[in-house]
């Protein structure tokens, strides 16, 4: 058994079921010989992003694994690695690397060294005898603490050498260890929340990855406190619940905006509370309770009055006990749900017309409205892409099931939606997987429509085909007039059909619901679908965004 065969056998021992890859690495053959399913993508960035999507929709029960070539392959993968790092997504990347004699010599590219600033942990296997220890450390990092890419580089001469007989015999799979905050700190946090005049819960992506949605719902109902979810936390709390304020990117709902602005105590759960242009601001002067499993997140951008360092599920279990001790087993009723309903109705009165608009070309919000109305939420996974589609759909798609919406983007890579949904489909084969993107994003990853077809992982992509980059409708006027900058055209349905998918063109608003119903039928029968929506160029900007 050589070094790569030992790595592949450990992946099998660890229960890995699916690996994304591109284009050339002998580990691919070794993995196939272990009976682990592989999907070859059209570029390294897409392969990494698919592994990311697999992890995001597995709630830490499974991890995305990606294998790439060394050298240029590892160089091309950097964007996907950076995206996963920004959003704390646990993926295992196993790139090839230069031989030891050339490992530190230009222009050879060592991913373990170069990726260090955009990864949770990086290592290279410098001797086949190290394989077991390196892989154990890798899976320990994946299972424990905050998420992030874990990189194991396999230099070409080492990976092909014989591994010692005891490498696998001595391998022991690492377990997940839980860290909890002190009960006294949790008691202080609950006291602040109970005595607050206008408290709010801010739920982040950690609630999803920590499998803590049920505990969040129980805690919010007992305390009768409204819940806002960050973009990454969207779907961690049911948005049809009376206590839901909705979710936010740079745009959000009026209820969310009102409570975030006016609240006196903010309880951040499973969140970094990062200040970002792709999220909502926290006004100064609030009392902040901050829970995260990454100690570096606490007191990073916001001063924490009470710090609850530890696993979000364990933290909520303690908080529920303390809350019941403080206010009783039945909880309390403050009337806040009625206030939320009134503000939500005020907000929807402004937007309902756009969400059902019959304008031609089709208004973006009509597309969002139809997606919200036509999908079986319990059996669907939806995501946005970067730019205008993100801010159009995040406030208005009603996510009701944990993991039913994938929000992403502290760094916002165009084209993430297609490979992300392919990875999500690999992890959730029984779910309908849909991504909404613009024509600019489609150009970044459109060839992976063919990957979806070839790999037997059918997804639906909705493209807002408006002839340009709608995020910049008023920008670069001279460049636009003289050189057509930000303008782009294409018959995307035909392109998809040429790659083996079903292409559907939508020009009339009434066709959108029909197209979505057809897409769900095609996906159920194993066919990938692209819906090419001839939409309007400019979208209404929310005054709450």
Protein backbone atom coordinates (compact mmCIF):
# COMPACT_ATOMS: atom_id res chain seq x y z
CA UNK A 1 0.00 0.00 0.00
CA UNK A 2 1.41 3.40 -0.96
CA UNK A 3 0.76 6.73 0.73
CA UNK A 4 -2.22 7.70 -1.45
CA UNK A 5 -3.86 4.31 -0.98
CA UNK A 6 -3.50 4.78 2.78
CA UNK A 7 -5.17 8.20 2.55
CA UNK A 8 -8.03 6.72 0.54
CA UNK A 9 -8.51 3.87 3.01
CA UNK A 10 -8.70 6.36 5.90
CA UNK A 11 -11.36 8.35 4.00
CA UNK A 12 -13.35 5.11 3.78
CA UNK A 13 -12.84 4.43 7.50
CA UNK A 14 -14.08 7.95 8.28
CA UNK A 15 -17.30 7.32 6.37
CA UNK A 16 -16.63 9.62 3.41
CA UNK A 17 -19.27 8.88 0.75
CA UNK A 18 -18.59 11.45 -1.99
CA UNK A 19 -15.56 13.34 -3.27
CA UNK A 20 -15.37 16.17 -5.81
CA UNK A 21 -12.26 16.43 -7.94
CA UNK A 22 -10.37 18.01 -10.87
CA UNK A 23 -8.36 17.16 -12.91
CA UNK A 24 -5.34 14.87 -12.26
CA UNK A 25 -4.23 13.31 -8.98
CA UNK A 26 -3.48 9.61 -8.44
CA UNK A 27 -5.51 9.81 -5.25
CA UNK A 28 -8.61 9.87 -7.48
CA UNK A 29 -7.93 6.29 -8.60
CA UNK A 30 -7.18 5.15 -5.05
CA UNK A 31 -10.48 6.63 -3.83
CA UNK A 32 -12.40 4.92 -6.62
CA UNK A 33 -10.85 1.59 -5.65
CA UNK A 34 -12.30 2.10 -2.15
CA UNK A 35 -15.79 2.37 -3.66
CA UNK A 36 -16.21 6.06 -2.75
CA UNK A 37 -18.27 8.02 -5.30
CA UNK A 38 -16.37 10.69 -7.26
CA UNK A 39 -17.60 13.61 -9.37
CA UNK A 40 -15.19 15.33 -11.77
CA UNK A 41 -15.89 19.05 -12.15
CA UNK A 42 -14.91 21.39 -14.98
CA UNK A 43 -12.52 23.46 -12.87
CA UNK A 44 -10.89 23.32 -9.43
CA UNK A 45 -12.82 26.24 -7.99
CA UNK A 46 -16.09 24.49 -8.79
CA UNK A 47 -14.89 21.26 -7.21
CA UNK A 48 -13.96 23.09 -3.99
CA UNK A 49 -17.28 24.97 -3.95
CA UNK A 50 -19.21 21.72 -4.39
CA UNK A 51 -17.40 20.23 -1.39
CA UNK A 52 -18.37 23.40 0.45
CA UNK A 53 -22.03 22.95 -0.52
CA UNK A 54 -21.91 19.33 0.61
CA UNK A 55 -20.67 20.38 4.06
CA UNK A 56 -23.08 23.33 4.38
CA UNK A 57 -26.11 21.10 3.86
CA UNK A 58 -24.93 18.21 6.04
CA UNK A 59 -25.06 20.05 9.41
CA UNK A 60 -21.64 18.63 10.33
CA UNK A 61 -22.81 15.04 10.02
CA UNK A 62 -20.71 14.66 6.85
CA UNK A 63 -17.85 16.67 5.36
CA UNK A 64 -17.12 17.70 1.81
CA UNK A 65 -13.83 16.33 0.47
CA UNK A 66 -12.10 17.73 -2.62
CA UNK A 67 -9.05 16.39 -4.47
CA UNK A 68 -7.10 18.59 -6.90
CA UNK A 69 -3.92 18.44 -8.89
CA UNK A 70 -0.84 20.14 -7.50
CA UNK A 71 0.74 23.21 -9.10
CA UNK A 72 -1.77 25.04 -11.33
CA UNK A 73 -4.64 22.94 -10.01
CA UNK A 74 -3.93 24.00 -6.44
CA UNK A 75 -3.49 27.59 -7.59
CA UNK A 76 -6.90 27.61 -9.30
CA UNK A 77 -8.58 26.22 -6.18
CA UNK A 78 -7.68 29.19 -3.97
CA UNK A 79 -10.90 31.15 -4.53
CA UNK A 80 -13.06 28.30 -3.30
CA UNK A 81 -10.83 27.73 -0.28
CA UNK A 82 -11.03 31.42 0.63
CA UNK A 83 -14.84 31.38 0.38
CA UNK A 84 -15.10 28.39 2.74
CA UNK A 85 -12.69 30.03 5.17
CA UNK A 86 -14.66 33.28 5.29
CA UNK A 87 -17.86 31.40 6.16
CA UNK A 88 -16.24 28.87 8.56
CA UNK A 89 -17.16 25.82 6.46
CA UNK A 90 -15.39 22.55 7.35
CA UNK A 91 -14.09 20.93 4.15
CA UNK A 92 -11.13 18.62 3.59
CA UNK A 93 -8.95 19.63 0.66
CA UNK A 94 -6.29 17.17 -0.53
CA UNK A 95 -4.20 18.80 -3.25
CA UNK A 96 -1.11 17.35 -4.82
CA UNK A 97 2.22 19.04 -4.23
CA UNK A 98 5.73 19.27 -5.67
CA UNK A 99 8.32 16.64 -4.84
CA UNK A 100 10.38 17.22 -1.71
CA UNK A 101 13.50 18.22 -3.61
CA UNK A 102 11.57 21.09 -5.24
CA UNK A 103 9.04 21.77 -2.46
CA UNK A 104 10.35 25.20 -1.48
CA UNK A 105 11.87 26.22 -4.82
CA UNK A 106 10.22 28.74 -7.12
CA UNK A 107 8.03 28.52 -9.11
CA UNK A 108 6.73 25.38 -7.41
CA UNK A 109 3.52 25.99 -5.47
CA UNK A 110 3.03 24.44 -2.04
CA UNK A 111 -0.68 24.58 -1.09
CA UNK A 112 -0.05 23.79 2.58
CA UNK A 113 2.16 26.88 2.88
CA UNK A 114 0.18 29.18 0.61
CA UNK A 115 -3.27 28.22 1.92
CA UNK A 116 -2.27 28.78 5.55
CA UNK A 117 -3.82 32.25 5.70
CA UNK A 118 -7.16 31.01 4.30
CA UNK A 119 -7.45 27.69 6.12
CA UNK A 120 -8.16 26.48 9.62
CA UNK A 121 -5.28 24.00 9.41
CA UNK A 122 -2.74 22.94 6.78
CA UNK A 123 -0.22 20.11 6.69
CA UNK A 124 1.85 18.20 4.17
CA UNK A 125 2.61 14.48 4.38
CA UNK A 126 6.39 14.42 4.14
CA UNK A 127 6.70 10.67 4.81
CA UNK A 128 4.18 7.85 4.19
CA UNK A 129 4.62 6.88 7.84
CA UNK A 130 3.05 10.22 8.86
CA UNK A 131 -0.18 9.52 6.99
CA UNK A 132 -2.22 8.23 9.94
CA UNK A 133 -1.23 11.06 12.29
CA UNK A 134 -1.79 13.78 9.68
CA UNK A 135 -5.22 12.42 8.71
CA UNK A 136 -6.26 12.00 12.35
CA UNK A 137 -5.35 15.63 13.03
CA UNK A 138 -7.27 16.66 9.92
CA UNK A 139 -10.50 14.93 10.99
CA UNK A 140 -10.09 16.23 14.53
CA UNK A 141 -9.95 19.77 13.13
CA UNK A 142 -13.01 19.13 10.95
CA UNK A 143 -15.08 17.85 13.88
CA UNK A 144 -14.02 20.27 16.60
CA UNK A 145 -14.24 23.99 17.21
CA UNK A 146 -15.14 26.49 14.55
CA UNK A 147 -15.29 25.27 10.96
CA UNK A 148 -12.92 25.99 8.12
CA UNK A 149 -10.92 24.34 5.35
CA UNK A 150 -8.45 21.68 6.45
CA UNK A 151 -5.70 21.04 3.91
CA UNK A 152 -3.56 17.92 3.54
CA UNK A 153 -0.93 18.32 0.81
CA UNK A 154 0.43 15.15 -0.79
CA UNK A 155 3.86 15.76 -2.40
CA UNK A 156 4.14 13.60 -5.49
CA UNK A 157 7.21 11.56 -4.56
CA UNK A 158 6.06 10.87 -1.00
CA UNK A 159 2.49 9.94 -1.90
CA UNK A 160 3.64 7.23 -4.29
CA UNK A 161 6.08 5.63 -1.84
CA UNK A 162 5.23 2.52 0.19
CA UNK A 163 3.50 3.12 3.52
CA UNK A 164 4.49 1.16 6.66
CA UNK A 165 2.31 -1.84 7.45
CA UNK A 166 1.11 -0.33 10.74
CA UNK A 167 -0.24 2.96 9.30
CA UNK A 168 -3.83 1.72 9.20
CA UNK A 169 -3.53 -0.64 12.18
CA UNK A 170 -2.64 2.31 14.40
CA UNK A 171 -5.25 4.69 12.97
CA UNK A 172 -7.93 5.84 15.41
CA UNK A 173 -10.83 8.03 14.31
CA UNK A 174 -11.08 11.25 16.38
CA UNK A 175 -14.34 12.14 18.09
CA UNK A 176 -16.14 15.44 18.54
CA UNK A 177 -15.58 17.15 21.89
CA UNK A 178 -18.04 19.71 23.23
CA UNK A 179 -17.09 22.90 25.06
CA UNK A 180 -19.73 24.63 27.18
CA UNK A 181 -19.80 28.05 28.83
CA UNK A 182 -20.00 28.26 32.59
CA UNK A 183 -23.46 28.01 34.13
CA UNK A 184 -22.93 31.27 36.00
CA UNK A 185 -22.30 33.13 32.74
CA UNK A 186 -25.38 31.55 31.18
CA UNK A 187 -27.41 32.61 34.24
CA UNK A 188 -26.16 36.19 33.81
CA UNK A 189 -27.11 36.12 30.13
CA UNK A 190 -30.63 34.85 30.83
CA UNK A 191 -31.15 37.49 33.53
CA UNK A 192 -30.18 40.25 31.12
CA UNK A 193 -32.52 38.91 28.45
CA UNK A 194 -35.49 38.45 30.79
CA UNK A 195 -35.13 41.97 32.21
CA UNK A 196 -34.63 43.65 28.82
CA UNK A 197 -37.23 46.09 27.52
CA UNK A 198 -36.85 45.06 23.88
CA UNK A 199 -34.56 42.02 23.46
CA UNK A 200 -33.67 40.32 20.19
CA UNK A 201 -31.93 37.06 19.29
CA UNK A 202 -29.39 37.12 16.45
CA UNK A 203 -28.96 33.56 15.12
CA UNK A 204 -25.96 32.78 12.92
CA UNK A 205 -24.80 29.88 10.79
CA UNK A 206 -23.45 28.10 13.85
CA UNK A 207 -27.03 27.26 14.86
CA UNK A 208 -27.39 25.23 11.65
CA UNK A 209 -23.94 23.61 11.78
CA UNK A 210 -24.41 22.87 15.47
CA UNK A 211 -27.80 21.20 14.85
CA UNK A 212 -29.37 23.56 17.37
CA UNK A 213 -32.48 24.80 15.53
CA UNK A 214 -34.88 22.89 17.81
CA UNK A 215 -33.21 24.34 20.92
CA UNK A 216 -33.30 27.85 19.45
CA UNK A 217 -37.03 27.53 18.76
CA UNK A 218 -37.72 26.24 22.27
CA UNK A 219 -35.68 29.01 23.89
CA UNK A 220 -37.27 31.78 21.81
CA UNK A 221 -40.79 30.52 22.55
CA UNK A 222 -40.15 30.23 26.29
CA UNK A 223 -38.61 33.71 26.48
CA UNK A 224 -41.03 35.15 23.88
CA UNK A 225 -38.14 36.95 22.18
CA UNK A 226 -38.00 37.78 18.43
CA UNK A 227 -35.39 36.03 16.28
CA UNK A 228 -33.37 37.58 13.46
CA UNK A 229 -31.11 35.32 11.41
CA UNK A 230 -27.98 36.42 9.63
CA UNK A 231 -27.65 35.51 5.98
CA UNK A 232 -25.63 32.41 6.89
CA UNK A 233 -28.09 31.59 9.66
CA UNK A 234 -31.15 31.84 7.39
CA UNK A 235 -33.37 28.74 7.85
CA UNK A 236 -32.07 28.09 11.39
CA UNK A 237 -35.38 29.52 12.69
CA UNK A 238 -38.68 29.00 10.80
CA UNK A 239 -39.60 32.24 9.06
CA UNK A 240 -43.32 31.46 9.20
CA UNK A 241 -43.09 31.54 13.02
CA UNK A 242 -44.78 34.48 14.79
CA UNK A 243 -41.45 35.39 16.47
CA UNK A 244 -39.46 35.45 13.24
CA UNK A 245 -38.11 38.80 12.11
CA UNK A 246 -36.68 37.29 8.94
CA UNK A 247 -33.13 37.26 7.63
CA UNK A 248 -30.78 39.85 6.27
CA UNK A 249 -27.90 40.37 3.89
CA UNK A 250 -27.23 43.99 2.97
CA UNK A 251 -31.02 44.11 2.61
CA UNK A 252 -33.52 42.85 5.16
CA UNK A 253 -37.13 43.00 6.34
CA UNK A 254 -38.72 45.94 8.11
CA UNK A 255 -39.34 43.87 11.29
CA UNK A 256 -35.67 42.89 11.39
CA UNK A 257 -34.49 46.42 10.81
CA UNK A 258 -36.80 47.79 13.50
CA UNK A 259 -35.79 45.31 16.23
CA UNK A 260 -32.09 45.48 15.41
CA UNK A 261 -32.20 49.25 15.64
CA UNK A 262 -34.43 49.58 18.70
CA UNK A 263 -33.46 46.59 20.85
CA UNK A 264 -31.60 47.14 24.11
CA UNK A 265 -30.22 43.58 24.55
CA UNK A 266 -28.94 41.46 21.64
CA UNK A 267 -28.24 37.75 22.16
CA UNK A 268 -25.91 36.46 19.42
CA UNK A 269 -26.03 32.67 19.06
CA UNK A 270 -23.66 30.67 16.87
CA UNK A 271 -22.40 33.80 15.16
CA UNK A 272 -19.19 35.74 14.68
CA UNK A 273 -21.08 39.08 14.73
CA UNK A 274 -18.72 40.16 11.97
CA UNK A 275 -19.16 43.68 10.63
CA UNK A 276 -19.63 43.23 6.91
CA UNK A 277 -21.26 45.05 4.03
CA UNK A 278 -23.06 41.79 3.30
CA UNK A 279 -24.88 41.82 6.63
CA UNK A 280 -26.88 44.11 8.89
CA UNK A 281 -25.16 46.62 11.20
CA UNK A 282 -25.52 46.55 14.96
CA UNK A 283 -26.06 50.08 16.30
CA UNK A 284 -23.90 51.12 19.26
CA UNK A 285 -25.13 51.23 22.82
CA UNK A 286 -26.61 47.74 23.11
CA UNK A 287 -25.96 45.15 25.78
CA UNK A 288 -24.53 42.19 23.86
CA UNK A 289 -24.49 38.54 24.86
CA UNK A 290 -22.24 36.65 22.48
CA UNK A 291 -22.02 32.90 21.94
CA UNK A 292 -19.51 31.35 19.54
CA UNK A 293 -17.38 28.21 19.43
CA UNK A 294 -14.51 30.38 18.20
CA UNK A 295 -12.99 32.39 21.06
CA UNK A 296 -11.40 34.74 18.52
CA UNK A 297 -14.86 35.87 17.35
CA UNK A 298 -15.88 37.12 20.79
CA UNK A 299 -14.95 40.79 21.32
CA UNK A 300 -13.69 40.88 17.72
CA UNK A 301 -16.02 43.47 16.16
CA UNK A 302 -18.53 43.93 18.99
CA UNK A 303 -17.84 44.31 22.72
CA UNK A 304 -19.43 41.42 24.62
CA UNK A 305 -21.07 42.20 27.97
CA UNK A 306 -21.46 38.46 28.56
CA UNK A 307 -19.27 36.01 26.64
CA UNK A 308 -20.57 32.47 26.18
CA UNK A 309 -17.72 30.58 24.56
CA UNK A 310 -18.77 27.10 23.53
CA UNK A 311 -20.95 24.87 21.41
CA UNK A 312 -24.25 26.57 20.54
CA UNK A 313 -26.42 23.51 21.21
CA UNK A 314 -24.86 22.95 24.63
CA UNK A 315 -25.17 26.67 25.37
CA UNK A 316 -28.88 26.71 24.49
CA UNK A 317 -29.54 23.61 26.58
CA UNK A 318 -28.05 25.39 29.59
CA UNK A 319 -29.93 28.59 28.74
CA UNK A 320 -33.25 26.74 28.53
CA UNK A 321 -32.70 25.27 32.01
CA UNK A 322 -31.83 28.67 33.45
CA UNK A 323 -34.75 30.33 31.68
CA UNK A 324 -37.22 27.81 33.10
CA UNK A 325 -35.77 28.38 36.56
CA UNK A 326 -36.18 32.14 36.14
CA UNK A 327 -39.69 32.39 34.61
CA UNK A 328 -41.24 28.93 34.98
CA UNK A 329 -41.70 25.85 32.82
CA UNK A 330 -44.47 27.41 30.70
CA UNK A 331 -42.49 30.47 29.72
CA UNK A 332 -44.07 33.89 29.26
CA UNK A 333 -46.15 35.91 26.80
CA UNK A 334 -45.23 39.55 26.17
CA UNK A 335 -47.43 40.32 23.18
CA UNK A 336 -44.39 40.86 20.96
CA UNK A 337 -45.73 38.49 18.28
CA UNK A 338 -48.62 40.88 17.60
CA UNK A 339 -46.18 43.78 17.23
CA UNK A 340 -44.12 41.80 14.75
CA UNK A 341 -47.23 40.88 12.74
CA UNK A 342 -48.26 44.54 12.47
CA UNK A 343 -44.83 45.65 11.27
CA UNK A 344 -44.59 42.75 8.84
CA UNK A 345 -47.94 43.66 7.31
CA UNK A 346 -46.83 47.28 6.92
CA UNK A 347 -43.69 46.07 5.12
CA UNK A 348 -45.47 43.55 2.90
CA UNK A 349 -48.06 46.12 1.88
CA UNK A 350 -45.24 47.98 0.14
CA UNK A 351 -43.74 44.92 -1.55
CA UNK A 352 -46.69 42.62 -2.30
CA UNK A 353 -47.35 44.30 -5.64
CA UNK A 354 -43.81 43.73 -6.87
CA UNK A 355 -43.79 40.10 -5.72
CA UNK A 356 -46.87 39.50 -7.90
CA UNK A 357 -46.07 42.01 -10.66
CA UNK A 358 -47.23 41.31 -14.23
CA UNK A 359 -44.64 43.67 -15.70
CA UNK A 360 -42.82 42.59 -18.86
CA UNK A 361 -39.85 42.18 -18.89
CA UNK A 362 -40.35 40.20 -15.71
CA UNK A 363 -39.58 41.93 -12.44
CA UNK A 364 -36.96 40.15 -10.32
CA UNK A 365 -39.28 40.17 -7.33
CA UNK A 366 -41.99 38.33 -9.29
CA UNK A 367 -39.42 35.59 -9.88
CA UNK A 368 -38.61 35.51 -6.16
CA UNK A 369 -42.30 35.52 -5.28
CA UNK A 370 -42.98 32.52 -7.52
CA UNK A 371 -40.04 30.59 -6.08
CA UNK A 372 -41.43 31.28 -2.61
CA UNK A 373 -44.95 30.22 -3.56
CA UNK A 374 -44.21 27.18 -5.73
CA UNK A 375 -41.68 25.15 -3.75
CA UNK A 376 -42.29 22.42 -1.19
CA UNK A 377 -40.16 24.07 1.52
CA UNK A 378 -39.69 20.92 3.60
CA UNK A 379 -38.18 19.10 0.63
CA UNK A 380 -36.20 21.87 -1.06
CA UNK A 381 -32.83 23.58 -0.69
CA UNK A 382 -32.52 27.07 -2.15
CA UNK A 383 -29.64 29.50 -2.47
CA UNK A 384 -28.84 32.85 -4.04
CA UNK A 385 -25.78 33.95 -5.93
CA UNK A 386 -23.71 37.08 -5.35
CA UNK A 387 -24.98 40.53 -6.26
CA UNK A 388 -28.59 41.55 -6.88
CA UNK A 389 -30.10 38.02 -6.65
CA UNK A 390 -28.82 37.74 -3.06
CA UNK A 391 -30.41 40.95 -1.82
CA UNK A 392 -33.61 40.30 -3.77
CA UNK A 393 -34.33 36.83 -2.37
CA UNK A 394 -32.93 36.80 1.18
CA UNK A 395 -35.66 39.01 2.72
CA UNK A 396 -38.56 37.45 0.79
CA UNK A 397 -38.00 33.70 0.55
CA UNK A 398 -39.71 32.11 3.55
CA UNK A 399 -37.33 29.46 4.87
CA UNK A 400 -39.19 27.04 7.12
CA UNK A 401 -36.90 24.01 7.47
CA UNK A 402 -33.37 23.88 8.94
CA UNK A 403 -30.96 23.75 6.03
CA UNK A 404 -33.72 24.55 3.54
CA UNK A 405 -31.95 27.76 2.56
CA UNK A 406 -28.20 28.16 2.17
CA UNK A 407 -27.13 31.72 2.90
CA UNK A 408 -23.51 32.56 2.22
CA UNK A 409 -21.16 35.38 1.54
CA UNK A 410 -18.79 37.27 3.79
CA UNK A 411 -16.78 37.13 0.58
CA UNK A 412 -19.11 36.90 -2.38
CA UNK A 413 -17.82 34.84 -5.29
CA UNK A 414 -19.92 35.07 -8.43
CA UNK A 415 -20.96 31.66 -9.70
CA UNK A 416 -20.96 29.86 -6.35
CA UNK A 417 -24.60 28.81 -6.67
CA UNK A 418 -24.21 26.08 -9.32
CA UNK A 419 -21.39 24.02 -7.74
CA UNK A 420 -22.80 24.69 -4.26
CA UNK A 421 -26.13 23.14 -5.28
CA UNK A 422 -24.41 20.17 -6.95
CA UNK A 423 -22.68 19.48 -3.63
CA UNK A 424 -25.96 19.98 -1.78
CA UNK A 425 -27.65 17.47 -4.10
CA UNK A 426 -24.87 14.94 -3.45
CA UNK A 427 -25.48 15.30 0.29
CA UNK A 428 -29.29 15.43 -0.03
CA UNK A 429 -30.32 13.37 -3.07
CA UNK A 430 -34.02 13.46 -2.19
CA UNK A 431 -34.22 17.28 -2.03
CA UNK A 432 -35.10 19.69 -4.86
CA UNK A 433 -32.03 21.94 -5.16
CA UNK A 434 -32.41 25.39 -6.76
CA UNK A 435 -30.09 28.35 -7.15
CA UNK A 436 -31.02 31.86 -8.29
CA UNK A 437 -28.30 33.75 -10.14
CA UNK A 438 -27.68 36.59 -12.54
CA UNK A 439 -26.15 36.36 -15.99
CA UNK A 440 -22.78 37.55 -14.66
CA UNK A 441 -22.69 34.73 -12.12
CA UNK A 442 -23.81 32.21 -14.74
CA UNK A 443 -20.77 33.00 -16.85
CA UNK A 444 -18.46 32.08 -13.96
CA UNK A 445 -19.63 28.48 -13.53
CA UNK A 446 -22.00 27.63 -16.38
CA UNK A 447 -19.94 24.66 -17.60
CA UNK A 448 -20.68 22.85 -14.35
CA UNK A 449 -24.24 22.48 -15.63
CA UNK A 450 -22.65 19.67 -17.65
CA UNK A 451 -21.10 18.32 -14.42
CA UNK A 452 -24.56 18.16 -12.87
CA UNK A 453 -25.81 16.20 -15.89
CA UNK A 454 -22.84 13.84 -16.12
CA UNK A 455 -22.63 13.19 -12.38
CA UNK A 456 -26.34 12.36 -12.11
CA UNK A 457 -26.87 15.15 -9.58
CA UNK A 458 -29.79 17.09 -11.10
CA UNK A 459 -30.30 20.66 -9.94
CA UNK A 460 -32.32 23.66 -11.13
CA UNK A 461 -30.67 26.96 -11.97
CA UNK A 462 -32.76 30.11 -12.45
CA UNK A 463 -30.86 32.76 -14.41
CA UNK A 464 -32.01 36.38 -14.42
CA UNK A 465 -31.13 37.16 -18.03
CA UNK A 466 -31.32 40.95 -18.13
CA UNK A 467 -28.43 41.71 -20.44
CA UNK A 468 -26.05 43.13 -17.88
CA UNK A 469 -24.75 43.37 -14.36
CA UNK A 470 -27.73 44.83 -12.51
CA UNK A 471 -25.69 45.58 -9.41
CA UNK A 472 -24.16 48.51 -11.32
CA UNK A 473 -27.13 50.07 -13.19
CA UNK A 474 -25.85 53.62 -12.80
CA UNK A 475 -22.13 52.95 -12.64
CA UNK A 476 -19.45 53.51 -15.27
CA UNK A 477 -21.63 55.59 -17.64
CA UNK A 478 -18.77 56.49 -20.00
CA UNK A 479 -17.42 52.93 -20.09
CA UNK A 480 -20.92 51.63 -20.73
CA UNK A 481 -21.64 54.10 -23.51
CA UNK A 482 -18.31 53.73 -25.33
CA UNK A 483 -17.42 50.10 -24.73
CA UNK A 484 -20.51 48.28 -23.39
CA UNK A 485 -18.89 47.55 -20.04
CA UNK A 486 -21.24 45.58 -17.70
CA UNK A 487 -23.40 44.50 -20.66
CA UNK A 488 -23.67 40.80 -21.56
CA UNK A 489 -25.98 38.66 -23.63
CA UNK A 490 -26.66 35.01 -24.33
CA UNK A 491 -29.27 32.35 -24.95
CA UNK A 492 -28.61 30.46 -21.76
CA UNK A 493 -31.37 27.89 -22.25
CA UNK A 494 -29.74 26.78 -25.51
CA UNK A 495 -26.32 26.63 -23.87
CA UNK A 496 -27.72 24.41 -21.13
CA UNK A 497 -29.39 22.13 -23.66
CA UNK A 498 -26.08 21.79 -25.49
CA UNK A 499 -24.63 20.46 -22.22
CA UNK A 500 -27.38 17.87 -21.80
CA UNK A 501 -29.72 19.80 -19.51
CA UNK A 502 -33.30 20.91 -20.05
CA UNK A 503 -33.49 24.57 -21.05
CA UNK A 504 -36.67 26.54 -20.36
CA UNK A 505 -37.20 30.14 -21.51
CA UNK A 506 -39.55 32.35 -19.48
CA UNK A 507 -40.67 35.67 -20.96
CA UNK A 508 -44.15 36.12 -19.49
CA UNK A 509 -44.60 36.32 -15.68
CA UNK A 510 -47.38 33.72 -15.84
CA UNK A 511 -44.88 31.20 -17.23
CA UNK A 512 -42.67 31.27 -14.13
CA UNK A 513 -44.84 29.02 -11.94
CA UNK A 514 -45.26 26.57 -14.83
CA UNK A 515 -41.48 26.50 -15.37
CA UNK A 516 -40.81 25.80 -11.69
CA UNK A 517 -43.34 22.96 -11.64
CA UNK A 518 -41.75 21.49 -14.76
CA UNK A 519 -38.26 21.84 -13.25
CA UNK A 520 -39.28 19.89 -10.17
CA UNK A 521 -40.67 17.10 -12.34
CA UNK A 522 -37.53 16.99 -14.51
CA UNK A 523 -35.21 16.94 -11.48
CA UNK A 524 -37.22 14.12 -9.91
CA UNK A 525 -36.70 12.17 -13.14
CA UNK A 526 -32.95 12.81 -13.09
CA UNK A 527 -32.68 15.75 -15.51
CA UNK A 528 -30.86 19.00 -14.76
CA UNK A 529 -32.79 22.18 -15.59
CA UNK A 530 -31.89 25.76 -16.44
CA UNK A 531 -34.67 28.37 -16.43
CA UNK A 532 -33.65 31.36 -18.56
CA UNK A 533 -35.78 34.26 -17.29
CA UNK A 534 -35.87 37.35 -19.50
CA UNK A 535 -36.04 39.81 -16.63
CA UNK A 536 -35.93 43.58 -16.24
CA UNK A 537 -32.60 45.31 -15.76
CA UNK A 538 -33.21 47.46 -12.71
CA UNK A 539 -34.70 46.22 -9.47
CA UNK A 540 -36.26 48.31 -6.73
CA UNK A 541 -33.87 49.01 -3.87
CA UNK A 542 -35.29 48.34 -0.43
CA UNK A 543 -35.16 51.32 1.87
CA UNK A 544 -34.44 48.82 4.63
CA UNK A 545 -31.30 47.53 2.88
